[in-house]
N, C-alpha and C. Protein backbone atom coordinates (compact mmCIF):
# COMPACT_ATOMS: atom_id res chain seq x y z
N MET A 1 0.85 -1.17 0.00
CA MET A 1 0.00 0.00 0.00
C MET A 1 0.90 1.23 0.00
N GLU A 2 0.62 2.16 -0.89
CA GLU A 2 1.39 3.39 -1.03
C GLU A 2 0.60 4.52 -0.38
N LEU A 3 1.27 5.34 0.43
CA LEU A 3 0.60 6.42 1.15
C LEU A 3 1.18 7.75 0.70
N LYS A 4 0.30 8.63 0.23
CA LYS A 4 0.71 9.97 -0.16
C LYS A 4 0.02 10.97 0.75
N LYS A 5 0.76 12.01 1.14
CA LYS A 5 0.17 13.08 1.95
C LYS A 5 0.26 14.37 1.16
N VAL A 6 -0.85 15.06 1.12
CA VAL A 6 -0.92 16.33 0.41
C VAL A 6 -1.46 17.36 1.40
N ALA A 7 -0.76 18.48 1.53
CA ALA A 7 -1.21 19.54 2.44
C ALA A 7 -2.10 20.51 1.69
N LEU A 8 -3.25 20.81 2.27
CA LEU A 8 -4.17 21.78 1.70
C LEU A 8 -3.87 23.15 2.30
N PRO A 9 -4.53 24.18 1.80
CA PRO A 9 -4.22 25.55 2.28
C PRO A 9 -4.33 25.71 3.79
N LEU A 10 -3.56 26.67 4.30
CA LEU A 10 -3.52 26.96 5.73
C LEU A 10 -4.60 27.97 6.09
N PHE A 11 -5.09 27.86 7.29
CA PHE A 11 -6.06 28.79 7.82
C PHE A 11 -5.57 29.27 9.17
N LEU A 12 -5.76 30.55 9.46
CA LEU A 12 -5.38 31.10 10.75
C LEU A 12 -6.63 31.17 11.61
N PHE A 13 -6.60 30.48 12.73
CA PHE A 13 -7.75 30.42 13.61
C PHE A 13 -7.28 30.69 15.03
N SER A 14 -7.66 31.81 15.60
CA SER A 14 -7.31 32.20 16.97
C SER A 14 -5.81 32.11 17.22
N GLY A 15 -5.03 32.60 16.31
CA GLY A 15 -3.58 32.61 16.48
C GLY A 15 -2.91 31.28 16.21
N THR A 16 -3.66 30.27 15.79
CA THR A 16 -3.10 28.96 15.51
C THR A 16 -3.25 28.65 14.04
N ILE A 17 -2.19 28.21 13.44
CA ILE A 17 -2.24 27.86 12.03
C ILE A 17 -2.77 26.43 11.91
N VAL A 18 -3.81 26.28 11.10
CA VAL A 18 -4.42 24.97 10.92
C VAL A 18 -4.26 24.57 9.45
N ALA A 19 -3.74 23.39 9.24
CA ALA A 19 -3.62 22.86 7.88
C ALA A 19 -4.30 21.51 7.85
N PHE A 20 -4.89 21.18 6.73
CA PHE A 20 -5.51 19.88 6.58
C PHE A 20 -4.59 19.02 5.72
N VAL A 21 -4.25 17.88 6.25
CA VAL A 21 -3.39 16.95 5.52
C VAL A 21 -4.27 15.84 4.98
N VAL A 22 -4.18 15.63 3.71
CA VAL A 22 -4.97 14.60 3.05
C VAL A 22 -4.06 13.41 2.79
N SER A 23 -4.46 12.28 3.31
CA SER A 23 -3.70 11.05 3.08
C SER A 23 -4.41 10.23 2.01
N LEU A 24 -3.70 9.94 0.96
CA LEU A 24 -4.26 9.13 -0.11
C LEU A 24 -3.61 7.75 -0.05
N ALA A 25 -4.41 6.77 0.21
CA ALA A 25 -3.89 5.40 0.26
C ALA A 25 -4.46 4.64 -0.94
N SER A 26 -3.60 3.99 -1.63
CA SER A 26 -4.10 3.24 -2.79
C SER A 26 -3.72 1.78 -2.67
N GLN A 27 -4.70 0.92 -2.87
CA GLN A 27 -4.49 -0.52 -2.89
C GLN A 27 -5.07 -1.01 -4.20
N ASN A 28 -4.22 -1.47 -5.04
CA ASN A 28 -4.65 -1.92 -6.37
C ASN A 28 -5.55 -0.88 -7.01
N SER A 29 -6.83 -1.19 -7.21
CA SER A 29 -7.74 -0.24 -7.83
C SER A 29 -8.59 0.48 -6.80
N ASP A 30 -8.50 0.07 -5.52
CA ASP A 30 -9.30 0.67 -4.46
C ASP A 30 -8.49 1.80 -3.81
N SER A 31 -9.05 2.98 -3.74
CA SER A 31 -8.35 4.09 -3.09
C SER A 31 -9.28 4.72 -2.06
N SER A 32 -8.69 5.20 -0.99
CA SER A 32 -9.49 5.84 0.05
C SER A 32 -8.91 7.23 0.34
N LEU A 33 -9.72 8.06 0.89
CA LEU A 33 -9.33 9.42 1.19
C LEU A 33 -9.50 9.65 2.67
N ASN A 34 -8.45 10.09 3.32
CA ASN A 34 -8.49 10.33 4.75
C ASN A 34 -8.06 11.78 4.99
N ILE A 35 -8.95 12.60 5.54
CA ILE A 35 -8.63 14.01 5.82
C ILE A 35 -8.55 14.19 7.33
N SER A 36 -7.42 14.73 7.79
CA SER A 36 -7.27 14.96 9.22
C SER A 36 -6.64 16.33 9.44
N PRO A 37 -7.20 17.10 10.38
CA PRO A 37 -6.63 18.42 10.65
C PRO A 37 -5.34 18.29 11.45
N THR A 38 -4.39 19.15 11.13
CA THR A 38 -3.17 19.23 11.93
C THR A 38 -2.95 20.68 12.27
N THR A 39 -2.31 20.93 13.38
CA THR A 39 -2.04 22.31 13.78
C THR A 39 -0.55 22.53 13.85
N ASN A 40 -0.17 23.72 13.50
CA ASN A 40 1.22 24.13 13.57
C ASN A 40 1.30 25.25 14.59
N THR A 41 1.94 24.98 15.71
CA THR A 41 2.00 25.99 16.76
C THR A 41 3.19 26.91 16.61
N SER A 42 4.02 26.69 15.60
CA SER A 42 5.14 27.60 15.40
C SER A 42 4.60 28.89 14.81
N LYS A 43 4.98 30.00 15.42
CA LYS A 43 4.48 31.30 15.01
C LYS A 43 5.63 32.14 14.48
N SER A 44 5.28 33.10 13.67
CA SER A 44 6.31 34.01 13.17
C SER A 44 6.84 34.84 14.33
N SER A 45 8.01 35.42 14.16
CA SER A 45 8.61 36.19 15.25
C SER A 45 7.76 37.41 15.59
N SER A 46 7.12 38.02 14.60
CA SER A 46 6.27 39.18 14.89
C SER A 46 5.04 38.75 15.68
N GLN A 47 4.46 37.58 15.37
CA GLN A 47 3.30 37.10 16.12
C GLN A 47 3.71 36.74 17.54
N GLN A 48 4.91 36.18 17.73
CA GLN A 48 5.38 35.85 19.07
C GLN A 48 5.56 37.12 19.90
N LYS A 49 6.06 38.20 19.29
CA LYS A 49 6.23 39.46 20.02
C LYS A 49 4.89 40.03 20.44
N VAL A 50 3.90 39.96 19.55
CA VAL A 50 2.57 40.46 19.88
C VAL A 50 1.97 39.66 21.02
N ASP A 51 2.10 38.32 20.95
CA ASP A 51 1.57 37.46 22.00
C ASP A 51 2.26 37.73 23.32
N GLN A 52 3.58 37.92 23.28
CA GLN A 52 4.34 38.17 24.51
C GLN A 52 3.93 39.50 25.12
N ALA A 53 3.75 40.52 24.30
CA ALA A 53 3.35 41.83 24.80
C ALA A 53 1.96 41.77 25.41
N ALA A 54 1.08 40.99 24.84
CA ALA A 54 -0.28 40.88 25.35
C ALA A 54 -0.34 40.07 26.63
N SER A 55 0.56 39.12 26.81
CA SER A 55 0.50 38.26 27.98
C SER A 55 1.25 38.82 29.17
N THR A 56 2.20 39.72 28.96
CA THR A 56 2.93 40.28 30.08
C THR A 56 2.39 41.66 30.38
N PRO A 57 2.18 41.97 31.66
CA PRO A 57 1.66 43.29 31.98
C PRO A 57 2.70 44.36 31.66
N ALA A 58 2.21 45.52 31.26
CA ALA A 58 3.11 46.62 30.92
C ALA A 58 3.84 47.09 32.18
N GLN A 59 5.10 47.36 32.03
CA GLN A 59 5.90 47.85 33.15
C GLN A 59 5.82 49.38 33.15
N LEU A 60 5.21 49.94 34.20
CA LEU A 60 5.06 51.37 34.30
C LEU A 60 6.32 51.93 34.94
N GLN A 61 6.95 52.86 34.29
CA GLN A 61 8.24 53.33 34.75
C GLN A 61 8.30 54.83 35.01
N LYS A 62 7.50 55.62 34.32
CA LYS A 62 7.66 57.06 34.41
C LYS A 62 6.32 57.73 34.61
N LEU A 63 6.27 58.62 35.59
CA LEU A 63 5.09 59.41 35.88
C LEU A 63 5.43 60.86 35.59
N SER A 64 4.57 61.53 34.84
CA SER A 64 4.83 62.94 34.54
C SER A 64 3.53 63.70 34.37
N VAL A 65 3.63 65.02 34.53
CA VAL A 65 2.51 65.92 34.29
C VAL A 65 2.90 66.77 33.09
N LEU A 66 2.04 66.82 32.09
CA LEU A 66 2.30 67.63 30.91
C LEU A 66 2.00 69.10 31.25
N PRO A 67 3.05 69.93 31.37
CA PRO A 67 2.83 71.30 31.85
C PRO A 67 1.98 72.17 30.91
N LEU A 68 2.04 71.92 29.62
CA LEU A 68 1.23 72.71 28.70
C LEU A 68 -0.25 72.31 28.74
N ARG A 69 -0.52 71.14 29.24
CA ARG A 69 -1.89 70.67 29.31
C ARG A 69 -2.51 70.91 30.69
N CYS A 70 -1.68 70.95 31.72
CA CYS A 70 -2.17 71.12 33.11
C CYS A 70 -2.85 72.48 33.26
N ILE A 71 -4.05 72.47 33.85
CA ILE A 71 -4.80 73.71 34.06
C ILE A 71 -4.67 74.22 35.50
N GLY A 72 -3.95 73.47 36.33
CA GLY A 72 -3.69 73.91 37.70
C GLY A 72 -4.85 73.80 38.64
N CYS A 73 -5.75 72.87 38.43
CA CYS A 73 -6.93 72.73 39.30
C CYS A 73 -6.58 72.15 40.67
N GLY A 74 -5.49 71.36 40.74
CA GLY A 74 -5.04 70.81 42.01
C GLY A 74 -5.72 69.52 42.44
N LYS A 75 -6.58 68.96 41.61
CA LYS A 75 -7.26 67.71 41.98
C LYS A 75 -6.27 66.59 42.26
N CYS A 76 -5.25 66.49 41.43
CA CYS A 76 -4.29 65.39 41.59
C CYS A 76 -3.57 65.49 42.93
N ALA A 77 -3.19 66.70 43.34
CA ALA A 77 -2.50 66.88 44.62
C ALA A 77 -3.43 66.61 45.81
N ARG A 78 -4.71 66.94 45.66
CA ARG A 78 -5.66 66.66 46.73
C ARG A 78 -5.96 65.17 46.83
N ILE A 79 -6.04 64.47 45.71
CA ILE A 79 -6.35 63.04 45.72
C ILE A 79 -5.14 62.22 46.13
N ASP A 80 -3.95 62.57 45.61
CA ASP A 80 -2.74 61.77 45.87
C ASP A 80 -1.56 62.68 46.20
N ALA A 81 -1.47 63.08 47.46
CA ALA A 81 -0.40 63.97 47.91
C ALA A 81 0.95 63.26 47.94
N ASN A 82 0.97 61.95 47.83
CA ASN A 82 2.24 61.22 47.82
C ASN A 82 2.97 61.36 46.48
N HIS A 83 2.25 61.64 45.41
CA HIS A 83 2.85 61.73 44.08
C HIS A 83 2.86 63.14 43.49
N PHE A 84 1.93 64.00 43.90
CA PHE A 84 1.79 65.30 43.28
C PHE A 84 1.76 66.42 44.31
N GLU A 85 2.23 67.59 43.88
CA GLU A 85 2.04 68.82 44.65
C GLU A 85 1.93 69.97 43.66
N MET A 86 1.38 71.06 44.14
CA MET A 86 1.23 72.23 43.29
C MET A 86 2.47 73.10 43.41
N SER A 87 2.96 73.55 42.29
CA SER A 87 4.10 74.45 42.23
C SER A 87 3.67 75.64 41.37
N GLY A 88 3.30 76.70 42.04
CA GLY A 88 2.73 77.85 41.32
C GLY A 88 1.35 77.46 40.83
N SER A 89 1.14 77.57 39.55
CA SER A 89 -0.18 77.25 39.00
C SER A 89 -0.20 75.92 38.24
N LYS A 90 0.82 75.10 38.47
CA LYS A 90 0.90 73.80 37.79
C LYS A 90 1.19 72.70 38.81
N ALA A 91 0.74 71.50 38.48
CA ALA A 91 1.05 70.33 39.30
C ALA A 91 2.40 69.77 38.87
N ILE A 92 3.14 69.22 39.84
CA ILE A 92 4.41 68.57 39.53
C ILE A 92 4.44 67.22 40.23
N VAL A 93 5.26 66.33 39.72
CA VAL A 93 5.43 65.00 40.30
C VAL A 93 6.51 65.10 41.36
N ILE A 94 6.22 64.60 42.57
CA ILE A 94 7.22 64.63 43.63
C ILE A 94 7.75 63.25 43.97
N SER A 95 7.08 62.19 43.47
CA SER A 95 7.53 60.83 43.74
C SER A 95 7.16 59.93 42.57
N SER A 96 8.09 59.05 42.23
CA SER A 96 7.83 58.07 41.17
C SER A 96 7.88 56.65 41.71
N THR A 97 7.60 56.51 42.99
CA THR A 97 7.55 55.18 43.60
C THR A 97 6.09 54.77 43.77
N ASN A 98 5.87 53.48 43.95
CA ASN A 98 4.53 52.93 44.16
C ASN A 98 3.56 53.38 43.06
N LEU A 99 3.95 53.12 41.82
CA LEU A 99 3.16 53.57 40.67
C LEU A 99 1.91 52.74 40.42
N ASP A 100 1.66 51.74 41.24
CA ASP A 100 0.44 50.95 41.08
C ASP A 100 -0.58 51.22 42.19
N SER A 101 -0.43 52.35 42.88
CA SER A 101 -1.35 52.65 43.97
C SER A 101 -2.72 53.06 43.45
N SER A 102 -3.73 52.82 44.23
CA SER A 102 -5.10 53.15 43.84
C SER A 102 -5.33 54.66 43.84
N LYS A 103 -4.65 55.38 44.73
CA LYS A 103 -4.79 56.83 44.74
C LYS A 103 -4.22 57.46 43.47
N LEU A 104 -3.12 56.93 43.00
CA LEU A 104 -2.54 57.44 41.75
C LEU A 104 -3.48 57.18 40.58
N THR A 105 -4.04 56.00 40.52
CA THR A 105 -4.99 55.67 39.47
C THR A 105 -6.19 56.62 39.51
N MET A 106 -6.67 56.91 40.71
CA MET A 106 -7.80 57.81 40.87
C MET A 106 -7.43 59.23 40.43
N ALA A 107 -6.23 59.69 40.77
CA ALA A 107 -5.79 61.03 40.37
C ALA A 107 -5.70 61.14 38.85
N ILE A 108 -5.16 60.10 38.20
CA ILE A 108 -5.05 60.12 36.74
C ILE A 108 -6.43 60.17 36.10
N ARG A 109 -7.34 59.37 36.59
CA ARG A 109 -8.70 59.33 36.02
C ARG A 109 -9.48 60.63 36.25
N ASN A 110 -9.18 61.32 37.35
CA ASN A 110 -9.94 62.53 37.68
C ASN A 110 -9.31 63.81 37.18
N CYS A 111 -8.21 63.74 36.48
CA CYS A 111 -7.59 64.94 35.92
C CYS A 111 -8.46 65.45 34.77
N PRO A 112 -9.05 66.65 34.92
CA PRO A 112 -9.95 67.13 33.87
C PRO A 112 -9.24 67.47 32.56
N ALA A 113 -7.95 67.73 32.62
CA ALA A 113 -7.20 68.07 31.41
C ALA A 113 -6.45 66.89 30.82
N GLN A 114 -6.55 65.73 31.46
CA GLN A 114 -5.82 64.53 31.00
C GLN A 114 -4.32 64.84 30.89
N ALA A 115 -3.79 65.55 31.90
CA ALA A 115 -2.40 66.01 31.85
C ALA A 115 -1.43 65.05 32.51
N ILE A 116 -1.91 64.03 33.20
CA ILE A 116 -1.02 63.09 33.89
C ILE A 116 -0.74 61.90 32.97
N VAL A 117 0.56 61.62 32.81
CA VAL A 117 0.98 60.56 31.91
C VAL A 117 1.76 59.53 32.70
N LEU A 118 1.37 58.28 32.56
CA LEU A 118 2.07 57.16 33.20
C LEU A 118 2.48 56.21 32.10
N GLU A 119 3.80 56.11 31.85
CA GLU A 119 4.30 55.27 30.76
C GLU A 119 5.42 54.38 31.21
């Protein structure tokens, strides 16, 4: 019995490459067709980078206030005095530690000018 395998077109399904392999077996004049799905989990390097970026949480490293955008309302300093204070008519960052605190998150969300940047 002679066995031939033929690969059909690939399909991308949820980040997994799926190919259908057709096995053709021939015995004298009788031939049968066997179709079975196979998956290829090897991904391109760009797809691996995208998957890695999506699976690892972003590392927050820098907290800043955009001075041209800040309107000087002082909400950030009132909500989170550990990270912000008012200097004249603008808010400034006084600490870049504990960047995952709930008060910092609240200050960023409540800034009416969207002047606080965490990157």
